[in-house]
Amino acid sequence: MTHSTLSPPNINRLGDSVIGGVVQRTRPVYNRTFAMDKTSPDRQNQTISMPCFKALTRTPIVSSRISQESTSTMDLKSISELLAEAKIELRRQQRRVNTARYRKRQTVKAIKLEEDIRSLHEGVDELELQRRLIAAGVPLTNTLWNVAAEYFRLFRNGYMPAVSVSNKFTNNYNGDKNGSYVQQDFLRDTTSPNIVCGGVVGVEALLEHWRATSSYFPDIEVGLVRLEQKYRGMLLATTRTKFTITEHSLRRCFPHLINYRDMWTKLLNQQLVIRGEVCFKWEADNHCVIELLQRGDLLTPVLKLVGSLEDVALVFDKAGISPECQLQ
């Protein structure tokens, strides 16, 4: 055998001819740049070239970061500007709200002042009327003026059975009669048996009208503001009536509002002041009143309470009283 443990099995292939033909391995190209001659003048002025490195440039990550920082700075400036503008707009809105509130308060004060002035004028007229009636004295016969004045004195608080009245109209009237007949006797002595008052005819119908009115509004107060003679045999009285809308008033005059709780609440326990007129038509031959024309402005105070004409229409729809203050 040619093989031995002291020699490799391929010893025949490791001859001098094989080993001598082996080419020595050279260094990689990228290491040659470091092996140049530093003493060469041409090499000293040349830029060292490193093929394995490229020129330094901004990577996308760095440029994106810079872009984000600049965008964030711009966003912060924009937010600051928006906040400043919002604050300015908020102050403007607050000033507008304050101005509107101030104007509203001034308007309310002006309206209240006008109402107070009108009430004072009416009070002066009422006192002046009373002074004239007292200064003129009481005539022994019925006249349109004193009948109208006594009518408002007796019915100042509606139907009041027990009231006193001065014995000054006819000999048939007796001031010592039972109080429950005072107003009835006054109407019989000073008005026609067929007196017309709105939709009712006769003394009893007129008294029933007053009974119903007093039942609906127990605290009613009718004030005489002024008396004027427009035509011969016709006297116009300006009145101011006050009453409170109670739960009983709502059930009798506005029963349909039970299904509209908001309207019911707005009207409940509210005191109304109604300005109205009463026209007395006089028959000179019989010295008596033949017709009473009464009307009042109930719409205006109700409008102030409910706030809109639509709600006013709802209040008076199917109501037992009209906007002219006539019971239906």
C-alpha atoms as a PDB file:
ATOM      1  CA  MET A   1       0.000   0.000   0.000  1.00  0.00           C
ATOM      2  CA  THR A   2       1.201   3.441  -0.682  1.00  0.00           C
ATOM      3  CA  HIS A   3      -0.846   5.089   2.060  1.00  0.00           C
ATOM      4  CA  SER A   4       0.603   5.708   5.453  1.00  0.00           C
ATOM      5  CA  THR A   5      -0.717   7.234   8.600  1.00  0.00           C
ATOM      6  CA  LEU A   6       2.172   9.697   8.426  1.00  0.00           C
ATOM      7  CA  SER A   7       1.156  11.157   5.103  1.00  0.00           C
ATOM      8  CA  PRO A   8      -2.180  12.435   3.805  1.00  0.00           C
ATOM      9  CA  PRO A   9      -4.088  10.381   1.305  1.00  0.00           C
ATOM     10  CA  ASN A  10      -3.759  13.064  -1.387  1.00  0.00           C
ATOM     11  CA  ILE A  11      -0.007  13.376  -1.144  1.00  0.00           C
ATOM     12  CA  ASN A  12       0.306  12.705  -4.850  1.00  0.00           C
ATOM     13  CA  ARG A  13      -1.537  15.933  -5.574  1.00  0.00           C
ATOM     14  CA  LEU A  14       0.707  18.067  -3.406  1.00  0.00           C
ATOM     15  CA  GLY A  15       3.732  18.019  -5.536  1.00  0.00           C
ATOM     16  CA  ASP A  16       6.093  20.883  -6.287  1.00  0.00           C
ATOM     17  CA  SER A  17       4.458  21.512  -9.605  1.00  0.00           C
ATOM     18  CA  VAL A  18       1.087  21.985  -7.985  1.00  0.00           C
ATOM     19  CA  ILE A  19       2.272  24.131  -5.122  1.00  0.00           C
ATOM     20  CA  GLY A  20       4.462  26.242  -7.376  1.00  0.00           C
ATOM     21  CA  GLY A  21       1.514  27.107  -9.568  1.00  0.00           C
ATOM     22  CA  VAL A  22      -0.513  28.619  -6.765  1.00  0.00           C
ATOM     23  CA  VAL A  23      -0.997  32.377  -7.218  1.00  0.00           C
ATOM     24  CA  GLN A  24      -0.591  34.539  -4.159  1.00  0.00           C
ATOM     25  CA  ARG A  25      -3.847  36.229  -3.055  1.00  0.00           C
ATOM     26  CA  THR A  26      -3.868  40.003  -3.364  1.00  0.00           C
ATOM     27  CA  ARG A  27      -5.348  42.506  -0.962  1.00  0.00           C
ATOM     28  CA  PRO A  28      -8.824  43.877  -1.621  1.00  0.00           C
ATOM     29  CA  VAL A  29      -9.169  47.025  -3.684  1.00  0.00           C
ATOM     30  CA  TYR A  30     -10.548  49.136  -0.853  1.00  0.00           C
ATOM     31  CA  ASN A  31      -7.347  48.755   1.121  1.00  0.00           C
ATOM     32  CA  ARG A  32      -5.112  50.065  -1.677  1.00  0.00           C
ATOM     33  CA  THR A  33      -6.041  53.658  -1.039  1.00  0.00           C
ATOM     34  CA  PHE A  34      -4.223  53.493   2.238  1.00  0.00           C
ATOM     35  CA  ALA A  35      -1.061  52.092   0.651  1.00  0.00           C
ATOM     36  CA  MET A  36      -0.203  55.105  -1.497  1.00  0.00           C
ATOM     37  CA  ASP A  37       3.043  56.883  -1.120  1.00  0.00           C
ATOM     38  CA  LYS A  38       2.581  59.845   1.169  1.00  0.00           C
ATOM     39  CA  THR A  39       5.821  61.371   0.005  1.00  0.00           C
ATOM     40  CA  SER A  40       4.706  61.695  -3.586  1.00  0.00           C
ATOM     41  CA  PRO A  41       4.024  65.334  -4.420  1.00  0.00           C
ATOM     42  CA  ASP A  42       1.294  64.347  -6.815  1.00  0.00           C
ATOM     43  CA  ARG A  43      -0.389  62.340  -4.130  1.00  0.00           C
ATOM     44  CA  GLN A  44      -0.273  65.169  -1.617  1.00  0.00           C
ATOM     45  CA  ASN A  45      -2.431  67.474  -3.745  1.00  0.00           C
ATOM     46  CA  GLN A  46      -4.953  64.857  -4.727  1.00  0.00           C
ATOM     47  CA  THR A  47      -8.137  64.221  -2.884  1.00  0.00           C
ATOM     48  CA  ILE A  48      -8.309  60.865  -1.288  1.00  0.00           C
ATOM     49  CA  SER A  49     -10.938  58.819  -2.986  1.00  0.00           C
ATOM     50  CA  MET A  50     -12.827  56.250  -0.971  1.00  0.00           C
ATOM     51  CA  PRO A  51     -15.088  54.299  -3.305  1.00  0.00           C
ATOM     52  CA  CYS A  52     -16.795  52.523  -0.460  1.00  0.00           C
ATOM     53  CA  PHE A  53     -18.161  55.806   0.960  1.00  0.00           C
ATOM     54  CA  LYS A  54     -20.599  58.044  -0.820  1.00  0.00           C
ATOM     55  CA  ALA A  55     -20.904  61.792  -0.337  1.00  0.00           C
ATOM     56  CA  LEU A  56     -22.662  62.767   2.856  1.00  0.00           C
ATOM     57  CA  THR A  57     -26.245  63.837   2.097  1.00  0.00           C
ATOM     58  CA  ARG A  58     -29.332  64.472   4.253  1.00  0.00           C
ATOM     59  CA  THR A  59     -31.104  61.276   4.730  1.00  0.00           C
ATOM     60  CA  PRO A  60     -34.930  61.263   4.435  1.00  0.00           C
ATOM     61  CA  ILE A  61     -35.229  60.752   8.200  1.00  0.00           C
ATOM     62  CA  VAL A  62     -33.252  63.912   9.010  1.00  0.00           C
ATOM     63  CA  SER A  63     -35.122  66.039   6.441  1.00  0.00           C
ATOM     64  CA  SER A  64     -38.453  64.694   7.663  1.00  0.00           C
ATOM     65  CA  ARG A  65     -37.540  65.586  11.229  1.00  0.00           C
ATOM     66  CA  ILE A  66     -36.589  69.123  10.242  1.00  0.00           C
ATOM     67  CA  SER A  67     -39.796  69.441   8.240  1.00  0.00           C
ATOM     68  CA  GLN A  68     -41.843  68.239  11.208  1.00  0.00           C
ATOM     69  CA  GLU A  69     -40.118  70.732  13.504  1.00  0.00           C
ATOM     70  CA  SER A  70     -40.797  73.623  11.123  1.00  0.00           C
ATOM     71  CA  THR A  71     -44.401  72.473  10.678  1.00  0.00           C
ATOM     72  CA  SER A  72     -44.846  72.222  14.441  1.00  0.00           C
ATOM     73  CA  THR A  73     -43.491  75.747  14.839  1.00  0.00           C
ATOM     74  CA  MET A  74     -45.919  77.022  12.213  1.00  0.00           C
ATOM     75  CA  ASP A  75     -48.778  75.138  13.853  1.00  0.00           C
ATOM     76  CA  LEU A  76     -47.967  76.679  17.226  1.00  0.00           C
ATOM     77  CA  LYS A  77     -47.965  80.142  15.675  1.00  0.00           C
ATOM     78  CA  SER A  78     -51.266  79.432  13.936  1.00  0.00           C
ATOM     79  CA  ILE A  79     -52.831  78.146  17.158  1.00  0.00           C
ATOM     80  CA  SER A  80     -51.614  81.222  19.038  1.00  0.00           C
ATOM     81  CA  GLU A  81     -53.086  83.497  16.377  1.00  0.00           C
ATOM     82  CA  LEU A  82     -56.383  81.595  16.428  1.00  0.00           C
ATOM     83  CA  LEU A  83     -56.560  81.820  20.210  1.00  0.00           C
ATOM     84  CA  ALA A  84     -55.890  85.545  20.075  1.00  0.00           C
ATOM     85  CA  GLU A  85     -58.594  86.024  17.435  1.00  0.00           C
ATOM     86  CA  ALA A  86     -61.007  83.877  19.444  1.00  0.00           C
ATOM     87  CA  LYS A  87     -60.401  85.990  22.548  1.00  0.00           C
ATOM     88  CA  ILE A  88     -61.003  89.174  20.578  1.00  0.00           C
ATOM     89  CA  GLU A  89     -64.217  87.774  19.089  1.00  0.00           C
ATOM     90  CA  LEU A  90     -65.357  86.593  22.519  1.00  0.00           C
ATOM     91  CA  ARG A  91     -64.834  90.073  23.948  1.00  0.00           C
ATOM     92  CA  ARG A  92     -66.787  91.554  21.038  1.00  0.00           C
ATOM     93  CA  GLN A  93     -69.660  89.156  21.591  1.00  0.00           C
ATOM     94  CA  GLN A  94     -69.653  89.905  25.311  1.00  0.00           C
ATOM     95  CA  ARG A  95     -69.773  93.631  24.585  1.00  0.00           C
ATOM     96  CA  ARG A  96     -72.679  93.092  22.197  1.00  0.00           C
ATOM     97  CA  VAL A  97     -74.525  91.033  24.814  1.00  0.00           C
ATOM     98  CA  ASN A  98     -73.891  93.662  27.486  1.00  0.00           C
ATOM     99  CA  THR A  99     -75.068  96.405  25.132  1.00  0.00           C
ATOM    100  CA  ALA A 100     -78.238  94.465  24.301  1.00  0.00           C
ATOM    101  CA  ARG A 101     -78.959  93.890  27.986  1.00  0.00           C
ATOM    102  CA  TYR A 102     -78.408  97.564  28.757  1.00  0.00           C
ATOM    103  CA  ARG A 103     -80.727  98.646  25.947  1.00  0.00           C
ATOM    104  CA  LYS A 104     -83.352  96.150  27.096  1.00  0.00           C
ATOM    105  CA  ARG A 105     -83.184  97.487  30.655  1.00  0.00           C
ATOM    106  CA  GLN A 106     -83.488 101.030  29.371  1.00  0.00           C
ATOM    107  CA  THR A 107     -86.470 100.062  27.213  1.00  0.00           C
ATOM    108  CA  VAL A 108     -88.186  98.367  30.157  1.00  0.00           C
ATOM    109  CA  LYS A 109     -87.540 101.430  32.314  1.00  0.00           C
ATOM    110  CA  ALA A 110     -88.945 103.714  29.625  1.00  0.00           C
ATOM    111  CA  ILE A 111     -92.080 101.582  29.238  1.00  0.00           C
ATOM    112  CA  LYS A 112     -92.537 101.430  33.006  1.00  0.00           C
ATOM    113  CA  LEU A 113     -92.079 105.193  33.241  1.00  0.00           C
ATOM    114  CA  GLU A 114     -94.684 105.768  30.529  1.00  0.00           C
ATOM    115  CA  GLU A 115     -97.138 103.496  32.338  1.00  0.00           C
ATOM    116  CA  ASP A 116     -96.514 105.285  35.634  1.00  0.00           C
ATOM    117  CA  ILE A 117     -97.026 108.670  33.991  1.00  0.00           C
ATOM    118  CA  ARG A 118    -100.257 107.508  32.383  1.00  0.00           C
ATOM    119  CA  SER A 119    -101.463 106.104  35.700  1.00  0.00           C
ATOM    120  CA  LEU A 120    -100.679 109.409  37.390  1.00  0.00           C
ATOM    121  CA  HIS A 121    -102.604 111.322  34.724  1.00  0.00           C
ATOM    122  CA  GLU A 122    -105.552 108.981  35.161  1.00  0.00           C
ATOM    123  CA  GLY A 123    -105.369 109.410  38.926  1.00  0.00           C
ATOM    124  CA  VAL A 124    -105.360 113.187  38.523  1.00  0.00           C
ATOM    125  CA  ASP A 125    -108.371 113.007  36.205  1.00  0.00           C
ATOM    126  CA  GLU A 126    -110.207 110.781  38.669  1.00  0.00           C
ATOM    127  CA  LEU A 127    -109.529 113.121  41.571  1.00  0.00           C
ATOM    128  CA  GLU A 128    -110.523 116.123  39.473  1.00  0.00           C
ATOM    129  CA  LEU A 129    -113.796 114.401  38.583  1.00  0.00           C
ATOM    130  CA  GLN A 130    -114.517 113.693  42.233  1.00  0.00           C
ATOM    131  CA  ARG A 131    -113.760 117.306  43.131  1.00  0.00           C
ATOM    132  CA  ARG A 132    -116.158 118.595  40.495  1.00  0.00           C
ATOM    133  CA  LEU A 133    -118.926 116.263  41.608  1.00  0.00           C
ATOM    134  CA  ILE A 134    -118.507 117.329  45.218  1.00  0.00           C
ATOM    135  CA  ALA A 135    -118.325 121.023  44.324  1.00  0.00           C
ATOM    136  CA  ALA A 136    -121.397 120.829  42.093  1.00  0.00           C
ATOM    137  CA  GLY A 137    -123.549 119.288  44.801  1.00  0.00           C
ATOM    138  CA  VAL A 138    -126.138 116.567  44.336  1.00  0.00           C
ATOM    139  CA  PRO A 139    -129.231 117.471  42.321  1.00  0.00           C
ATOM    140  CA  LEU A 140    -132.655 116.220  43.466  1.00  0.00           C
ATOM    141  CA  THR A 141    -133.538 114.826  40.042  1.00  0.00           C
ATOM    142  CA  ASN A 142    -131.807 112.228  37.919  1.00  0.00           C
ATOM    143  CA  THR A 143    -129.244 113.508  35.427  1.00  0.00           C
ATOM    144  CA  LEU A 144    -126.943 111.558  33.172  1.00  0.00           C
ATOM    145  CA  TRP A 145    -123.861 112.824  34.994  1.00  0.00           C
ATOM    146  CA  ASN A 146    -124.854 111.894  38.530  1.00  0.00           C
ATOM    147  CA  VAL A 147    -126.372 108.561  37.436  1.00  0.00           C
ATOM    148  CA  ALA A 148    -123.086 107.622  35.759  1.00  0.00           C
ATOM    149  CA  ALA A 149    -121.066 108.683  38.807  1.00  0.00           C
ATOM    150  CA  GLU A 150    -123.313 106.708  41.181  1.00  0.00           C
ATOM    151  CA  TYR A 151    -123.242 103.678  38.880  1.00  0.00           C
ATOM    152  CA  PHE A 152    -119.468 103.430  39.176  1.00  0.00           C
ATOM    153  CA  ARG A 153    -119.598 104.041  42.915  1.00  0.00           C
ATOM    154  CA  LEU A 154    -122.048 101.190  43.464  1.00  0.00           C
ATOM    155  CA  PHE A 155    -120.399  98.747  41.072  1.00  0.00           C
ATOM    156  CA  ARG A 156    -116.815  99.685  41.866  1.00  0.00           C
ATOM    157  CA  ASN A 157    -116.216  96.192  43.281  1.00  0.00           C
ATOM    158  CA  GLY A 158    -118.673  94.356  41.078  1.00  0.00           C
ATOM    159  CA  TYR A 159    -121.831  92.802  42.459  1.00  0.00           C
ATOM    160  CA  MET A 160    -121.860  93.646  46.165  1.00  0.00           C
ATOM    161  CA  PRO A 161    -125.214  92.838  47.831  1.00  0.00           C
ATOM    162  CA  ALA A 162    -124.582  94.820  51.032  1.00  0.00           C
ATOM    163  CA  VAL A 163    -123.522  98.351  50.084  1.00  0.00           C
ATOM    164  CA  SER A 164    -124.732 101.791  51.037  1.00  0.00           C
ATOM    165  CA  VAL A 165    -126.086 104.348  48.622  1.00  0.00           C
ATOM    166  CA  SER A 166    -127.163 107.936  49.068  1.00  0.00           C
ATOM    167  CA  ASN A 167    -130.913 108.627  48.826  1.00  0.00           C
ATOM    168  CA  LYS A 168    -130.806 111.111  46.009  1.00  0.00           C
ATOM    169  CA  PHE A 169    -132.548 109.776  42.919  1.00  0.00           C
ATOM    170  CA  THR A 170    -136.273 109.179  43.424  1.00  0.00           C
ATOM    171  CA  ASN A 171    -138.776 109.196  46.236  1.00  0.00           C
ATOM    172  CA  ASN A 172    -139.379 105.482  45.617  1.00  0.00           C
ATOM    173  CA  TYR A 173    -135.818 104.651  46.666  1.00  0.00           C
ATOM    174  CA  ASN A 174    -135.377 103.930  50.372  1.00  0.00           C
ATOM    175  CA  GLY A 175    -131.805 103.882  51.662  1.00  0.00           C
ATOM    176  CA  ASP A 176    -132.918 101.777  54.666  1.00  0.00           C
ATOM    177  CA  LYS A 177    -133.776  98.770  52.491  1.00  0.00           C
ATOM    178  CA  ASN A 178    -131.924  95.508  52.795  1.00  0.00           C
ATOM    179  CA  GLY A 179    -128.445  95.841  51.246  1.00  0.00           C
ATOM    180  CA  SER A 180    -128.987  92.938  48.868  1.00  0.00           C
ATOM    181  CA  TYR A 181    -131.483  95.089  46.912  1.00  0.00           C
ATOM    182  CA  VAL A 182    -129.457  98.296  46.739  1.00  0.00           C
ATOM    183  CA  GLN A 183    -127.895  97.806  43.320  1.00  0.00           C
ATOM    184  CA  GLN A 184    -131.078  96.290  41.917  1.00  0.00           C
ATOM    185  CA  ASP A 185    -133.198  99.211  43.114  1.00  0.00           C
ATOM    186  CA  PHE A 186    -130.671 101.698  41.772  1.00  0.00           C
ATOM    187  CA  LEU A 187    -130.841 100.172  38.295  1.00  0.00           C
ATOM    188  CA  ARG A 188    -134.631 100.011  38.380  1.00  0.00           C
ATOM    189  CA  ASP A 189    -134.844 103.669  39.389  1.00  0.00           C
ATOM    190  CA  THR A 190    -132.279 105.029  36.916  1.00  0.00           C
ATOM    191  CA  THR A 191    -132.460 102.781  33.857  1.00  0.00           C
ATOM    192  CA  SER A 192    -135.075 101.645  31.374  1.00  0.00           C
ATOM    193  CA  PRO A 193    -136.765  98.267  32.095  1.00  0.00           C
ATOM    194  CA  ASN A 194    -135.487  97.166  28.700  1.00  0.00           C
ATOM    195  CA  ILE A 195    -131.995  98.557  29.086  1.00  0.00           C
ATOM    196  CA  VAL A 196    -129.546  97.035  26.614  1.00  0.00           C
ATOM    197  CA  CYS A 197    -126.037  96.120  27.737  1.00  0.00           C
ATOM    198  CA  GLY A 198    -124.057  94.240  25.138  1.00  0.00           C
ATOM    199  CA  GLY A 199    -125.867  90.991  24.513  1.00  0.00           C
ATOM    200  CA  VAL A 200    -128.215  91.219  27.521  1.00  0.00           C
ATOM    201  CA  VAL A 201    -131.513  93.080  27.895  1.00  0.00           C
ATOM    202  CA  GLY A 202    -133.235  94.170  31.076  1.00  0.00           C
ATOM    203  CA  VAL A 203    -132.272  95.020  34.637  1.00  0.00           C
ATOM    204  CA  GLU A 204    -132.188  91.406  35.835  1.00  0.00           C
ATOM    205  CA  ALA A 205    -129.969  90.376  32.935  1.00  0.00           C
ATOM    206  CA  LEU A 206    -127.601  93.268  33.701  1.00  0.00           C
ATOM    207  CA  LEU A 207    -127.438  92.251  37.358  1.00  0.00           C
ATOM    208  CA  GLU A 208    -126.775  88.644  36.362  1.00  0.00           C
ATOM    209  CA  HIS A 209    -123.931  89.876  34.192  1.00  0.00           C
ATOM    210  CA  TRP A 210    -122.406  91.595  37.219  1.00  0.00           C
ATOM    211  CA  ARG A 211    -122.933  88.502  39.387  1.00  0.00           C
ATOM    212  CA  ALA A 212    -121.073  86.336  36.879  1.00  0.00           C
ATOM    213  CA  THR A 213    -118.261  88.862  36.525  1.00  0.00           C
ATOM    214  CA  SER A 214    -117.816  89.075  40.300  1.00  0.00           C
ATOM    215  CA  SER A 215    -117.905  85.290  40.542  1.00  0.00           C
ATOM    216  CA  TYR A 216    -115.136  84.920  37.959  1.00  0.00           C
ATOM    217  CA  PHE A 217    -113.026  87.748  39.401  1.00  0.00           C
ATOM    218  CA  PRO A 218    -113.819  88.223  43.125  1.00  0.00           C
ATOM    219  CA  ASP A 219    -111.294  91.048  43.629  1.00  0.00           C
ATOM    220  CA  ILE A 220    -112.480  93.135  40.670  1.00  0.00           C
ATOM    221  CA  GLU A 221    -112.094  96.888  41.041  1.00  0.00           C
ATOM    222  CA  VAL A 222    -113.565  99.295  38.495  1.00  0.00           C
ATOM    223  CA  GLY A 223    -112.200 102.828  38.655  1.00  0.00           C
ATOM    224  CA  LEU A 224    -113.739 105.836  36.946  1.00  0.00           C
ATOM    225  CA  VAL A 225    -110.989 107.852  35.311  1.00  0.00           C
ATOM    226  CA  ARG A 226    -112.837 110.420  33.230  1.00  0.00           C
ATOM    227  CA  LEU A 227    -116.336 111.454  32.123  1.00  0.00           C
ATOM    228  CA  GLU A 228    -116.891 113.202  28.813  1.00  0.00           C
ATOM    229  CA  GLN A 229    -120.052 114.223  27.005  1.00  0.00           C
ATOM    230  CA  LYS A 230    -119.462 113.356  23.357  1.00  0.00           C
ATOM    231  CA  TYR A 231    -122.962 114.084  22.062  1.00  0.00           C
ATOM    232  CA  ARG A 232    -126.225 115.283  23.487  1.00  0.00           C
ATOM    233  CA  GLY A 233    -127.673 112.510  25.592  1.00  0.00           C
ATOM    234  CA  MET A 234    -124.472 110.421  25.427  1.00  0.00           C
ATOM    235  CA  LEU A 235    -121.783 110.272  28.090  1.00  0.00           C
ATOM    236  CA  LEU A 236    -118.464 108.448  27.673  1.00  0.00           C
ATOM    237  CA  ALA A 237    -116.704 107.140  30.765  1.00  0.00           C
ATOM    238  CA  THR A 238    -113.063 106.058  30.707  1.00  0.00           C
ATOM    239  CA  THR A 239    -112.363 103.255  33.164  1.00  0.00           C
ATOM    240  CA  ARG A 240    -109.472 101.315  34.621  1.00  0.00           C
ATOM    241  CA  THR A 241    -110.333  97.836  35.854  1.00  0.00           C
ATOM    242  CA  LYS A 242    -108.134  95.579  37.975  1.00  0.00           C
ATOM    243  CA  PHE A 243    -108.589  91.924  38.832  1.00  0.00           C
ATOM    244  CA  THR A 244    -106.536  88.793  39.527  1.00  0.00           C
ATOM    245  CA  ILE A 245    -106.757  85.644  37.432  1.00  0.00           C
ATOM    246  CA  THR A 246    -107.268  82.896  40.000  1.00  0.00           C
ATOM    247  CA  GLU A 247    -107.584  79.170  39.421  1.00  0.00           C
ATOM    248  CA  HIS A 248    -111.364  79.595  39.579  1.00  0.00           C
ATOM    249  CA  SER A 249    -111.109  82.338  36.938  1.00  0.00           C
ATOM    250  CA  LEU A 250    -109.156  80.044  34.638  1.00  0.00           C
ATOM    251  CA  ARG A 251    -111.609  77.173  35.079  1.00  0.00           C
ATOM    252  CA  ARG A 252    -114.606  79.402  34.320  1.00  0.00           C
ATOM    253  CA  CYS A 253    -113.180  81.680  31.611  1.00  0.00           C
ATOM    254  CA  PHE A 254    -110.383  79.587  30.096  1.00  0.00           C
ATOM    255  CA  PRO A 255    -111.273  75.930  30.762  1.00  0.00           C
ATOM    256  CA  HIS A 256    -109.505  74.711  27.614  1.00  0.00           C
ATOM    257  CA  LEU A 257    -106.129  75.829  29.001  1.00  0.00           C
ATOM    258  CA  ILE A 258    -106.160  72.888  31.397  1.00  0.00           C
ATOM    259  CA  ASN A 259    -104.510  70.993  28.512  1.00  0.00           C
ATOM    260  CA  TYR A 260    -101.861  73.701  28.075  1.00  0.00           C
ATOM    261  CA  ARG A 261    -100.022  73.822  31.383  1.00  0.00           C
ATOM    262  CA  ASP A 262     -97.502  76.419  30.237  1.00  0.00           C
ATOM    263  CA  MET A 263    -100.278  78.883  29.363  1.00  0.00           C
ATOM    264  CA  TRP A 264    -102.108  78.009  32.562  1.00  0.00           C
ATOM    265  CA  THR A 265     -98.986  78.742  34.623  1.00  0.00           C
ATOM    266  CA  LYS A 266     -98.323  82.045  32.848  1.00  0.00           C
ATOM    267  CA  LEU A 267    -101.829  83.373  33.636  1.00  0.00           C
ATOM    268  CA  LEU A 268    -102.356  81.930  37.115  1.00  0.00           C
ATOM    269  CA  ASN A 269    -102.361  84.521  39.955  1.00  0.00           C
ATOM    270  CA  GLN A 270    -101.535  87.386  37.592  1.00  0.00           C
ATOM    271  CA  GLN A 271    -103.157  90.778  38.187  1.00  0.00           C
ATOM    272  CA  LEU A 272    -104.410  92.491  35.058  1.00  0.00           C
ATOM    273  CA  VAL A 273    -105.060  96.181  34.531  1.00  0.00           C
ATOM    274  CA  ILE A 274    -107.615  96.768  31.785  1.00  0.00           C
ATOM    275  CA  ARG A 275    -108.416 100.118  30.272  1.00  0.00           C
ATOM    276  CA  GLY A 276    -111.901 100.410  28.930  1.00  0.00           C
ATOM    277  CA  GLU A 277    -114.864 102.622  28.133  1.00  0.00           C
ATOM    278  CA  VAL A 278    -118.540 102.677  29.095  1.00  0.00           C
ATOM    279  CA  CYS A 279    -120.984 104.659  27.004  1.00  0.00           C
ATOM    280  CA  PHE A 280    -124.266 105.799  28.645  1.00  0.00           C
ATOM    281  CA  LYS A 281    -127.179 106.628  26.353  1.00  0.00           C
ATOM    282  CA  TRP A 282    -129.740 108.829  28.030  1.00  0.00           C
ATOM    283  CA  GLU A 283    -133.448 109.256  27.359  1.00  0.00           C
ATOM    284  CA  ALA A 284    -134.317 112.813  28.390  1.00  0.00           C
ATOM    285  CA  ASP A 285    -138.113 112.320  28.434  1.00  0.00           C
ATOM    286  CA  ASN A 286    -138.043 109.527  31.024  1.00  0.00           C
ATOM    287  CA  HIS A 287    -134.794 110.617  32.703  1.00  0.00           C
ATOM    288  CA  CYS A 288    -133.229 107.169  32.491  1.00  0.00           C
ATOM    289  CA  VAL A 289    -130.399 105.285  30.834  1.00  0.00           C
ATOM    290  CA  ILE A 290    -131.574 103.193  27.904  1.00  0.00           C
ATOM    291  CA  GLU A 291    -128.300 101.573  26.826  1.00  0.00           C
ATOM    292  CA  LEU A 292    -124.879 100.728  28.220  1.00  0.00           C
ATOM    293  CA  LEU A 293    -122.015  99.979  25.852  1.00  0.00           C
ATOM    294  CA  GLN A 294    -119.061  98.478  27.696  1.00  0.00           C
ATOM    295  CA  ARG A 295    -115.754  97.385  26.246  1.00  0.00           C
ATOM    296  CA  GLY A 296    -112.272  96.774  27.561  1.00  0.00           C
ATOM    297  CA  ASP A 297    -108.842  95.919  26.227  1.00  0.00           C
ATOM    298  CA  LEU A 298    -108.118  92.476  27.645  1.00  0.00           C
ATOM    299  CA  LEU A 299    -105.856  91.533  24.742  1.00  0.00           C
ATOM    300  CA  THR A 300    -102.954  93.866  25.618  1.00  0.00           C
ATOM    301  CA  PRO A 301    -102.304  92.650  29.198  1.00  0.00           C
ATOM    302  CA  VAL A 302    -102.711  89.012  28.135  1.00  0.00           C
ATOM    303  CA  LEU A 303    -100.216  89.571  25.316  1.00  0.00           C
ATOM    304  CA  LYS A 304     -97.690  90.886  27.829  1.00  0.00           C
ATOM    305  CA  LEU A 305     -98.089  87.722  29.885  1.00  0.00           C
ATOM    306  CA  VAL A 306     -97.955  85.069  27.152  1.00  0.00           C
ATOM    307  CA  GLY A 307     -95.541  86.852  24.816  1.00  0.00           C
ATOM    308  CA  SER A 308     -96.878  86.184  21.300  1.00  0.00           C
ATOM    309  CA  LEU A 309    -100.011  86.643  19.217  1.00  0.00           C
ATOM    310  CA  GLU A 310    -100.122  82.896  18.527  1.00  0.00           C
ATOM    311  CA  ASP A 311    -100.379  82.225  22.254  1.00  0.00           C
ATOM    312  CA  VAL A 312    -103.000  84.983  22.604  1.00  0.00           C
ATOM    313  CA  ALA A 313    -105.088  83.260  19.935  1.00  0.00           C
ATOM    314  CA  LEU A 314    -104.710  80.016  21.867  1.00  0.00           C
ATOM    315  CA  VAL A 315    -105.819  81.682  25.113  1.00  0.00           C
ATOM    316  CA  PHE A 316    -109.005  83.179  23.646  1.00  0.00           C
ATOM    317  CA  ASP A 317    -109.890  80.165  21.517  1.00  0.00           C
ATOM    318  CA  LYS A 318    -112.987  78.596  23.120  1.00  0.00           C
ATOM    319  CA  ALA A 319    -112.670  81.034  26.047  1.00  0.00           C
ATOM    320  CA  GLY A 320    -115.622  82.225  28.106  1.00  0.00           C
ATOM    321  CA  ILE A 321    -114.529  85.844  27.758  1.00  0.00           C
ATOM    322  CA  SER A 322    -113.655  87.863  24.657  1.00  0.00           C
ATOM    323  CA  PRO A 323    -110.618  90.100  24.061  1.00  0.00           C
ATOM    324  CA  GLU A 324    -113.055  93.035  24.500  1.00  0.00           C
ATOM    325  CA  CYS A 325    -113.749  91.762  28.027  1.00  0.00           C
ATOM    326  CA  GLN A 326    -117.250  90.544  27.226  1.00  0.00           C
ATOM    327  CA  LEU A 327    -118.511  87.388  28.926  1.00  0.00           C
ATOM    328  CA  GLN A 328    -119.705  84.779  26.453  1.00  0.00           C
END
